[in-house]
């Protein structure tokens, strides 16, 4: 889901009024992103032009940042799952592959270097524009037996370009699993990936925010399994993926 539209207006008391059309889940997303600001309790828009509204105490520059953040939320796609927050850059298909879907296909299945670099650019733009991702402590990818998998390559690029910490050395895959594309049901996918990951001892993740990077989000069970493994040792988890397939959309 996306924010469908929004409006930010100045009030006389130094606050701004933020209204949007979309899920109430975006209330917590906004509070996390701008945790340094006072954010009022949400309320329904009595004019019925929007779904929800909030008041935010902020400076002029912060007002601009909030407006730009809501612009971002109209472009990227929110997925409600077991993580604190998960977004994808776009859907994989929409009357054919989307721009991000084509980049992901070329980068993942054709090992196209140009597409990989372009996809990395898109990830970095979103991370820099989203305060919760920009302030995260670690970035990791889902462990794979495939050497230099696309998610692993993306994490290396993100951490190098944005000066972030790569946490992949603390995570390992401990058993062989069947490729998810060969499994038809969500239950079978969950059984396939359950207890497949382990966090090494002396890891630094306790009470830290860890962003899990992946390429294609279908059922989300792999992301969920790694997030659960991290949550069990005290981490907070967020997900950021390239695309969401048309399957398994609720």
C-alpha atoms as a PDB file:
ATOM      1  CA  UNK A   1       0.000   0.000   0.000  1.00  0.00           C
ATOM      2  CA  UNK A   2       1.007   3.603  -0.528  1.00  0.00           C
ATOM      3  CA  UNK A   3       0.027   7.008   0.783  1.00  0.00           C
ATOM      4  CA  UNK A   4      -2.395   8.095  -1.923  1.00  0.00           C
ATOM      5  CA  UNK A   5      -2.150  11.824  -1.283  1.00  0.00           C
ATOM      6  CA  UNK A   6      -1.189  14.185   1.513  1.00  0.00           C
ATOM      7  CA  UNK A   7      -1.255  17.805   2.586  1.00  0.00           C
ATOM      8  CA  UNK A   8       1.006  19.753   4.940  1.00  0.00           C
ATOM      9  CA  UNK A   9      -0.168  23.188   6.156  1.00  0.00           C
ATOM     10  CA  UNK A  10       1.251  25.706   8.617  1.00  0.00           C
ATOM     11  CA  UNK A  11      -0.644  26.643  11.792  1.00  0.00           C
ATOM     12  CA  UNK A  12      -0.358  29.887  13.759  1.00  0.00           C
ATOM     13  CA  UNK A  13       1.041  28.183  16.887  1.00  0.00           C
ATOM     14  CA  UNK A  14       4.246  26.900  15.292  1.00  0.00           C
ATOM     15  CA  UNK A  15       2.802  23.510  14.476  1.00  0.00           C
ATOM     16  CA  UNK A  16       1.994  21.998  11.109  1.00  0.00           C
ATOM     17  CA  UNK A  17      -1.097  20.030  10.204  1.00  0.00           C
ATOM     18  CA  UNK A  18      -0.389  16.836   8.298  1.00  0.00           C
ATOM     19  CA  UNK A  19      -3.208  14.995   6.538  1.00  0.00           C
ATOM     20  CA  UNK A  20      -3.067  11.913   4.345  1.00  0.00           C
ATOM     21  CA  UNK A  21      -5.162   9.378   2.483  1.00  0.00           C
ATOM     22  CA  UNK A  22      -3.982   5.897   3.320  1.00  0.00           C
ATOM     23  CA  UNK A  23      -3.569   3.392   6.116  1.00  0.00           C
ATOM     24  CA  UNK A  24      -3.421   4.428   9.768  1.00  0.00           C
ATOM     25  CA  UNK A  25      -0.169   2.409   9.892  1.00  0.00           C
ATOM     26  CA  UNK A  26       1.526   5.510   8.506  1.00  0.00           C
ATOM     27  CA  UNK A  27       0.927   7.257  11.826  1.00  0.00           C
ATOM     28  CA  UNK A  28       3.523   5.057  13.561  1.00  0.00           C
ATOM     29  CA  UNK A  29       5.814   5.281  10.536  1.00  0.00           C
ATOM     30  CA  UNK A  30       5.755   9.082  10.804  1.00  0.00           C
ATOM     31  CA  UNK A  31       6.291   8.985  14.583  1.00  0.00           C
ATOM     32  CA  UNK A  32       9.332   6.731  14.181  1.00  0.00           C
ATOM     33  CA  UNK A  33      10.777   8.828  11.377  1.00  0.00           C
ATOM     34  CA  UNK A  34      10.425  12.092  13.317  1.00  0.00           C
ATOM     35  CA  UNK A  35      10.780  10.840  16.879  1.00  0.00           C
ATOM     36  CA  UNK A  36      12.531  14.063  17.929  1.00  0.00           C
ATOM     37  CA  UNK A  37       9.358  16.052  17.235  1.00  0.00           C
ATOM     38  CA  UNK A  38       6.120  16.252  19.162  1.00  0.00           C
ATOM     39  CA  UNK A  39       3.471  14.386  17.165  1.00  0.00           C
ATOM     40  CA  UNK A  40      -0.134  14.616  18.343  1.00  0.00           C
ATOM     41  CA  UNK A  41      -2.597  11.765  18.530  1.00  0.00           C
ATOM     42  CA  UNK A  42      -4.143  11.045  15.158  1.00  0.00           C
ATOM     43  CA  UNK A  43      -7.685  12.092  14.302  1.00  0.00           C
ATOM     44  CA  UNK A  44     -10.105  11.585  11.445  1.00  0.00           C
ATOM     45  CA  UNK A  45     -10.386  14.405   8.929  1.00  0.00           C
ATOM     46  CA  UNK A  46     -13.757  16.031   9.533  1.00  0.00           C
ATOM     47  CA  UNK A  47     -13.707  17.561   6.029  1.00  0.00           C
ATOM     48  CA  UNK A  48     -13.475  14.003   4.640  1.00  0.00           C
ATOM     49  CA  UNK A  49     -10.931  15.037   2.014  1.00  0.00           C
ATOM     50  CA  UNK A  50      -8.345  12.866   3.770  1.00  0.00           C
ATOM     51  CA  UNK A  51      -8.471   9.873   6.103  1.00  0.00           C
ATOM     52  CA  UNK A  52      -6.242  10.992   8.967  1.00  0.00           C
ATOM     53  CA  UNK A  53      -4.576  14.023  10.427  1.00  0.00           C
ATOM     54  CA  UNK A  54      -1.936  14.899  13.025  1.00  0.00           C
ATOM     55  CA  UNK A  55      -0.265  18.019  14.407  1.00  0.00           C
ATOM     56  CA  UNK A  56       3.532  18.158  14.460  1.00  0.00           C
ATOM     57  CA  UNK A  57       5.710  20.702  16.254  1.00  0.00           C
ATOM     58  CA  UNK A  58       8.666  21.426  14.000  1.00  0.00           C
ATOM     59  CA  UNK A  59      10.917  24.023  12.407  1.00  0.00           C
ATOM     60  CA  UNK A  60      10.563  25.230   8.819  1.00  0.00           C
ATOM     61  CA  UNK A  61      13.338  22.903   7.644  1.00  0.00           C
ATOM     62  CA  UNK A  62      11.705  19.981   9.460  1.00  0.00           C
ATOM     63  CA  UNK A  63       8.395  20.851   7.829  1.00  0.00           C
ATOM     64  CA  UNK A  64      10.064  20.559   4.424  1.00  0.00           C
ATOM     65  CA  UNK A  65      11.588  17.208   5.437  1.00  0.00           C
ATOM     66  CA  UNK A  66       8.176  15.877   6.530  1.00  0.00           C
ATOM     67  CA  UNK A  67       6.590  17.010   3.256  1.00  0.00           C
ATOM     68  CA  UNK A  68       9.383  15.353   1.249  1.00  0.00           C
ATOM     69  CA  UNK A  69       9.053  12.199   3.343  1.00  0.00           C
ATOM     70  CA  UNK A  70       5.346  11.978   2.541  1.00  0.00           C
ATOM     71  CA  UNK A  71       6.210  12.467  -1.142  1.00  0.00           C
ATOM     72  CA  UNK A  72       8.432   9.392  -0.762  1.00  0.00           C
ATOM     73  CA  UNK A  73       5.602   7.434   0.877  1.00  0.00           C
ATOM     74  CA  UNK A  74       3.472   8.088  -2.205  1.00  0.00           C
ATOM     75  CA  UNK A  75       6.108   6.318  -4.332  1.00  0.00           C
ATOM     76  CA  UNK A  76       7.345   3.367  -2.286  1.00  0.00           C
ATOM     77  CA  UNK A  77       5.122   0.513  -1.087  1.00  0.00           C
ATOM     78  CA  UNK A  78       4.496  -0.348   2.562  1.00  0.00           C
ATOM     79  CA  UNK A  79       4.140  -4.038   3.467  1.00  0.00           C
ATOM     80  CA  UNK A  80       2.536  -4.848   6.814  1.00  0.00           C
ATOM     81  CA  UNK A  81       4.363  -7.844   8.277  1.00  0.00           C
ATOM     82  CA  UNK A  82       6.140  -9.001  11.447  1.00  0.00           C
ATOM     83  CA  UNK A  83       8.945  -6.427  11.196  1.00  0.00           C
ATOM     84  CA  UNK A  84       8.785  -2.952  12.707  1.00  0.00           C
ATOM     85  CA  UNK A  85       8.510  -1.594   9.196  1.00  0.00           C
ATOM     86  CA  UNK A  86       8.958  -2.990   5.682  1.00  0.00           C
ATOM     87  CA  UNK A  87       8.958  -1.144   2.376  1.00  0.00           C
ATOM     88  CA  UNK A  88       9.613  -2.163  -1.211  1.00  0.00           C
ATOM     89  CA  UNK A  89      10.722   0.238  -3.936  1.00  0.00           C
ATOM     90  CA  UNK A  90       7.841  -0.787  -6.210  1.00  0.00           C
ATOM     91  CA  UNK A  91       5.679  -3.680  -7.310  1.00  0.00           C
ATOM     92  CA  UNK A  92       7.417  -6.144  -9.602  1.00  0.00           C
ATOM     93  CA  UNK A  93       4.717  -6.125 -12.269  1.00  0.00           C
ATOM     94  CA  UNK A  94       2.110  -3.614 -13.454  1.00  0.00           C
ATOM     95  CA  UNK A  95       1.098  -4.299 -17.050  1.00  0.00           C
ATOM     96  CA  UNK A  96       4.544  -5.773 -17.520  1.00  0.00           C
ATOM     97  CA  UNK A  97       7.582  -5.239 -15.317  1.00  0.00           C
ATOM     98  CA  UNK A  98       7.850  -1.880 -13.612  1.00  0.00           C
ATOM     99  CA  UNK A  99      11.073   0.110 -13.979  1.00  0.00           C
ATOM    100  CA  UNK A 100      12.331  -1.288 -10.660  1.00  0.00           C
ATOM    101  CA  UNK A 101      10.986  -4.736 -11.613  1.00  0.00           C
ATOM    102  CA  UNK A 102      13.041  -4.722 -14.807  1.00  0.00           C
ATOM    103  CA  UNK A 103      16.170  -3.556 -12.972  1.00  0.00           C
ATOM    104  CA  UNK A 104      15.666  -6.323 -10.405  1.00  0.00           C
ATOM    105  CA  UNK A 105      15.127  -8.973 -13.080  1.00  0.00           C
ATOM    106  CA  UNK A 106      18.230  -7.924 -14.999  1.00  0.00           C
ATOM    107  CA  UNK A 107      20.332  -7.618 -11.844  1.00  0.00           C
ATOM    108  CA  UNK A 108      19.168 -10.886 -10.259  1.00  0.00           C
ATOM    109  CA  UNK A 109      18.707 -13.268 -13.169  1.00  0.00           C
ATOM    110  CA  UNK A 110      20.932 -11.773 -15.886  1.00  0.00           C
ATOM    111  CA  UNK A 111      23.760 -10.568 -13.604  1.00  0.00           C
ATOM    112  CA  UNK A 112      23.691  -7.249 -15.447  1.00  0.00           C
ATOM    113  CA  UNK A 113      26.252  -4.930 -13.837  1.00  0.00           C
ATOM    114  CA  UNK A 114      24.594  -1.746 -15.065  1.00  0.00           C
ATOM    115  CA  UNK A 115      21.238  -2.835 -13.637  1.00  0.00           C
ATOM    116  CA  UNK A 116      22.884  -3.721 -10.333  1.00  0.00           C
ATOM    117  CA  UNK A 117      24.405  -0.263 -10.064  1.00  0.00           C
ATOM    118  CA  UNK A 118      21.115   1.420 -11.001  1.00  0.00           C
ATOM    119  CA  UNK A 119      19.240  -0.664  -8.435  1.00  0.00           C
ATOM    120  CA  UNK A 120      21.820   0.262  -5.798  1.00  0.00           C
ATOM    121  CA  UNK A 121      21.234   3.923  -6.659  1.00  0.00           C
ATOM    122  CA  UNK A 122      17.506   3.475  -6.022  1.00  0.00           C
ATOM    123  CA  UNK A 123      18.072   1.766  -2.656  1.00  0.00           C
ATOM    124  CA  UNK A 124      20.436   4.514  -1.525  1.00  0.00           C
ATOM    125  CA  UNK A 125      17.974   7.253  -2.514  1.00  0.00           C
ATOM    126  CA  UNK A 126      15.225   5.681  -0.396  1.00  0.00           C
ATOM    127  CA  UNK A 127      17.509   5.086   2.601  1.00  0.00           C
ATOM    128  CA  UNK A 128      18.740   8.683   2.536  1.00  0.00           C
ATOM    129  CA  UNK A 129      15.169  10.028   2.230  1.00  0.00           C
ATOM    130  CA  UNK A 130      13.696   7.837   4.990  1.00  0.00           C
ATOM    131  CA  UNK A 131      14.907   8.967   8.453  1.00  0.00           C
ATOM    132  CA  UNK A 132      14.285   5.572  10.112  1.00  0.00           C
ATOM    133  CA  UNK A 133      16.436   3.730   7.569  1.00  0.00           C
ATOM    134  CA  UNK A 134      19.042   6.493   7.457  1.00  0.00           C
ATOM    135  CA  UNK A 135      19.582   6.222  11.232  1.00  0.00           C
ATOM    136  CA  UNK A 136      19.676   2.393  11.375  1.00  0.00           C
ATOM    137  CA  UNK A 137      22.629   0.743  13.138  1.00  0.00           C
ATOM    138  CA  UNK A 138      23.244  -2.202  10.798  1.00  0.00           C
ATOM    139  CA  UNK A 139      22.380  -3.424   7.306  1.00  0.00           C
ATOM    140  CA  UNK A 140      22.256  -7.146   6.515  1.00  0.00           C
ATOM    141  CA  UNK A 141      21.061  -9.442   3.740  1.00  0.00           C
ATOM    142  CA  UNK A 142      19.376 -12.825   3.874  1.00  0.00           C
ATOM    143  CA  UNK A 143      22.226 -15.390   3.979  1.00  0.00           C
ATOM    144  CA  UNK A 144      22.638 -17.406   0.788  1.00  0.00           C
ATOM    145  CA  UNK A 145      24.879 -20.218  -0.373  1.00  0.00           C
ATOM    146  CA  UNK A 146      25.152 -18.370  -3.685  1.00  0.00           C
ATOM    147  CA  UNK A 147      28.356 -16.374  -3.703  1.00  0.00           C
ATOM    148  CA  UNK A 148      27.849 -12.616  -3.978  1.00  0.00           C
ATOM    149  CA  UNK A 149      24.062 -12.861  -4.163  1.00  0.00           C
ATOM    150  CA  UNK A 150      22.240  -9.704  -5.226  1.00  0.00           C
ATOM    151  CA  UNK A 151      21.089  -8.818  -1.651  1.00  0.00           C
ATOM    152  CA  UNK A 152      24.622  -9.356  -0.312  1.00  0.00           C
ATOM    153  CA  UNK A 153      26.049  -7.198  -3.102  1.00  0.00           C
ATOM    154  CA  UNK A 154      23.490  -4.478  -2.380  1.00  0.00           C
ATOM    155  CA  UNK A 155      24.358  -4.437   1.335  1.00  0.00           C
ATOM    156  CA  UNK A 156      28.060  -4.054   0.512  1.00  0.00           C
ATOM    157  CA  UNK A 157      27.272  -1.182  -1.834  1.00  0.00           C
ATOM    158  CA  UNK A 158      24.892   0.549   0.592  1.00  0.00           C
ATOM    159  CA  UNK A 159      27.362   0.342   3.468  1.00  0.00           C
ATOM    160  CA  UNK A 160      30.255   1.565   1.342  1.00  0.00           C
ATOM    161  CA  UNK A 161      28.374   4.423  -0.266  1.00  0.00           C
ATOM    162  CA  UNK A 162      26.428   5.629   2.792  1.00  0.00           C
ATOM    163  CA  UNK A 163      29.048   4.813   5.447  1.00  0.00           C
ATOM    164  CA  UNK A 164      26.833   2.232   7.178  1.00  0.00           C
ATOM    165  CA  UNK A 165      27.804  -0.890   9.149  1.00  0.00           C
ATOM    166  CA  UNK A 166      27.570  -4.258   7.371  1.00  0.00           C
ATOM    167  CA  UNK A 167      26.337  -6.877   9.850  1.00  0.00           C
ATOM    168  CA  UNK A 168      26.508  -9.885   7.539  1.00  0.00           C
ATOM    169  CA  UNK A 169      29.569 -11.357   9.237  1.00  0.00           C
ATOM    170  CA  UNK A 170      27.421 -12.090  12.315  1.00  0.00           C
ATOM    171  CA  UNK A 171      24.701 -14.044  10.459  1.00  0.00           C
ATOM    172  CA  UNK A 172      24.933 -17.465   8.849  1.00  0.00           C
ATOM    173  CA  UNK A 173      22.735 -20.020   7.162  1.00  0.00           C
ATOM    174  CA  UNK A 174      22.956 -23.314   9.024  1.00  0.00           C
ATOM    175  CA  UNK A 175      21.135 -25.721   6.751  1.00  0.00           C
ATOM    176  CA  UNK A 176      20.269 -26.243   3.097  1.00  0.00           C
ATOM    177  CA  UNK A 177      16.846 -25.087   1.911  1.00  0.00           C
ATOM    178  CA  UNK A 178      14.887 -25.577  -1.296  1.00  0.00           C
ATOM    179  CA  UNK A 179      14.646 -22.496  -3.599  1.00  0.00           C
ATOM    180  CA  UNK A 180      11.444 -20.666  -2.687  1.00  0.00           C
ATOM    181  CA  UNK A 181      10.381 -20.375  -6.326  1.00  0.00           C
ATOM    182  CA  UNK A 182       9.965 -24.168  -6.371  1.00  0.00           C
ATOM    183  CA  UNK A 183       7.530 -24.185  -3.422  1.00  0.00           C
ATOM    184  CA  UNK A 184       3.845 -23.414  -3.958  1.00  0.00           C
ATOM    185  CA  UNK A 185       2.242 -22.770  -0.544  1.00  0.00           C
ATOM    186  CA  UNK A 186       3.127 -20.253   2.173  1.00  0.00           C
ATOM    187  CA  UNK A 187       3.012 -23.022   4.815  1.00  0.00           C
ATOM    188  CA  UNK A 188       5.525 -25.140   2.889  1.00  0.00           C
ATOM    189  CA  UNK A 189       7.732 -22.074   2.406  1.00  0.00           C
ATOM    190  CA  UNK A 190       7.634 -21.385   6.143  1.00  0.00           C
ATOM    191  CA  UNK A 191       8.542 -25.010   6.918  1.00  0.00           C
ATOM    192  CA  UNK A 192      11.359 -24.854   4.385  1.00  0.00           C
ATOM    193  CA  UNK A 193      13.057 -21.815   5.929  1.00  0.00           C
ATOM    194  CA  UNK A 194      12.282 -22.352   9.628  1.00  0.00           C
ATOM    195  CA  UNK A 195      15.403 -22.303  11.857  1.00  0.00           C
ATOM    196  CA  UNK A 196      17.637 -21.928   8.791  1.00  0.00           C
ATOM    197  CA  UNK A 197      19.551 -18.938  10.171  1.00  0.00           C
ATOM    198  CA  UNK A 198      21.747 -18.345  13.170  1.00  0.00           C
ATOM    199  CA  UNK A 199      23.284 -15.239  14.712  1.00  0.00           C
ATOM    200  CA  UNK A 200      26.835 -15.824  15.903  1.00  0.00           C
ATOM    201  CA  UNK A 201      27.826 -15.277  19.508  1.00  0.00           C
ATOM    202  CA  UNK A 202      29.236 -11.896  20.548  1.00  0.00           C
ATOM    203  CA  UNK A 203      27.045 -10.162  17.966  1.00  0.00           C
ATOM    204  CA  UNK A 204      26.375  -6.429  18.406  1.00  0.00           C
ATOM    205  CA  UNK A 205      22.646  -6.455  17.555  1.00  0.00           C
ATOM    206  CA  UNK A 206      21.034  -6.242  21.011  1.00  0.00           C
ATOM    207  CA  UNK A 207      18.742  -3.173  21.148  1.00  0.00           C
ATOM    208  CA  UNK A 208      20.021  -2.053  17.743  1.00  0.00           C
ATOM    209  CA  UNK A 209      18.044  -1.334  14.571  1.00  0.00           C
ATOM    210  CA  UNK A 210      18.886  -3.806  11.806  1.00  0.00           C
ATOM    211  CA  UNK A 211      17.683  -3.283   8.230  1.00  0.00           C
ATOM    212  CA  UNK A 212      17.292  -6.491   6.216  1.00  0.00           C
ATOM    213  CA  UNK A 213      17.864  -5.974   2.483  1.00  0.00           C
ATOM    214  CA  UNK A 214      16.337  -8.376  -0.039  1.00  0.00           C
ATOM    215  CA  UNK A 215      15.536  -8.343  -3.736  1.00  0.00           C
ATOM    216  CA  UNK A 216      12.058  -9.801  -4.347  1.00  0.00           C
ATOM    217  CA  UNK A 217       9.348  -9.940  -1.676  1.00  0.00           C
ATOM    218  CA  UNK A 218       6.757 -12.601  -2.457  1.00  0.00           C
ATOM    219  CA  UNK A 219       5.336 -14.313   0.622  1.00  0.00           C
ATOM    220  CA  UNK A 220       7.802 -12.606   2.964  1.00  0.00           C
ATOM    221  CA  UNK A 221       8.556 -15.795   4.899  1.00  0.00           C
ATOM    222  CA  UNK A 222      12.338 -15.579   4.405  1.00  0.00           C
ATOM    223  CA  UNK A 223      12.426 -11.986   5.616  1.00  0.00           C
ATOM    224  CA  UNK A 224      10.174 -12.954   8.533  1.00  0.00           C
ATOM    225  CA  UNK A 225      12.406 -15.875   9.534  1.00  0.00           C
ATOM    226  CA  UNK A 226      15.591 -13.818   9.586  1.00  0.00           C
ATOM    227  CA  UNK A 227      13.801 -10.982  11.417  1.00  0.00           C
ATOM    228  CA  UNK A 228      12.530 -13.427  14.041  1.00  0.00           C
ATOM    229  CA  UNK A 229      16.055 -14.783  14.527  1.00  0.00           C
ATOM    230  CA  UNK A 230      17.344 -11.243  15.058  1.00  0.00           C
ATOM    231  CA  UNK A 231      14.456 -10.243  17.312  1.00  0.00           C
ATOM    232  CA  UNK A 232      15.167 -13.219  19.585  1.00  0.00           C
ATOM    233  CA  UNK A 233      18.561 -11.764  20.436  1.00  0.00           C
ATOM    234  CA  UNK A 234      17.152  -8.280  21.095  1.00  0.00           C
ATOM    235  CA  UNK A 235      17.347  -6.508  17.729  1.00  0.00           C
ATOM    236  CA  UNK A 236      14.713  -4.271  16.208  1.00  0.00           C
ATOM    237  CA  UNK A 237      14.152  -5.090  12.559  1.00  0.00           C
ATOM    238  CA  UNK A 238      13.149  -3.237   9.418  1.00  0.00           C
ATOM    239  CA  UNK A 239      12.941  -4.566   5.878  1.00  0.00           C
ATOM    240  CA  UNK A 240      13.729  -2.936   2.541  1.00  0.00           C
ATOM    241  CA  UNK A 241      13.267  -4.892  -0.690  1.00  0.00           C
ATOM    242  CA  UNK A 242      13.431  -4.036  -4.365  1.00  0.00           C
ATOM    243  CA  UNK A 243      10.011  -5.299  -5.482  1.00  0.00           C
ATOM    244  CA  UNK A 244       6.808  -7.015  -4.335  1.00  0.00           C
ATOM    245  CA  UNK A 245       5.292  -9.651  -6.573  1.00  0.00           C
ATOM    246  CA  UNK A 246       1.606  -9.718  -7.387  1.00  0.00           C
ATOM    247  CA  UNK A 247       1.269 -13.000  -5.493  1.00  0.00           C
ATOM    248  CA  UNK A 248       0.522 -13.081  -1.778  1.00  0.00           C
ATOM    249  CA  UNK A 249      -0.675  -9.470  -1.690  1.00  0.00           C
ATOM    250  CA  UNK A 250      -3.405  -9.239   0.929  1.00  0.00           C
END
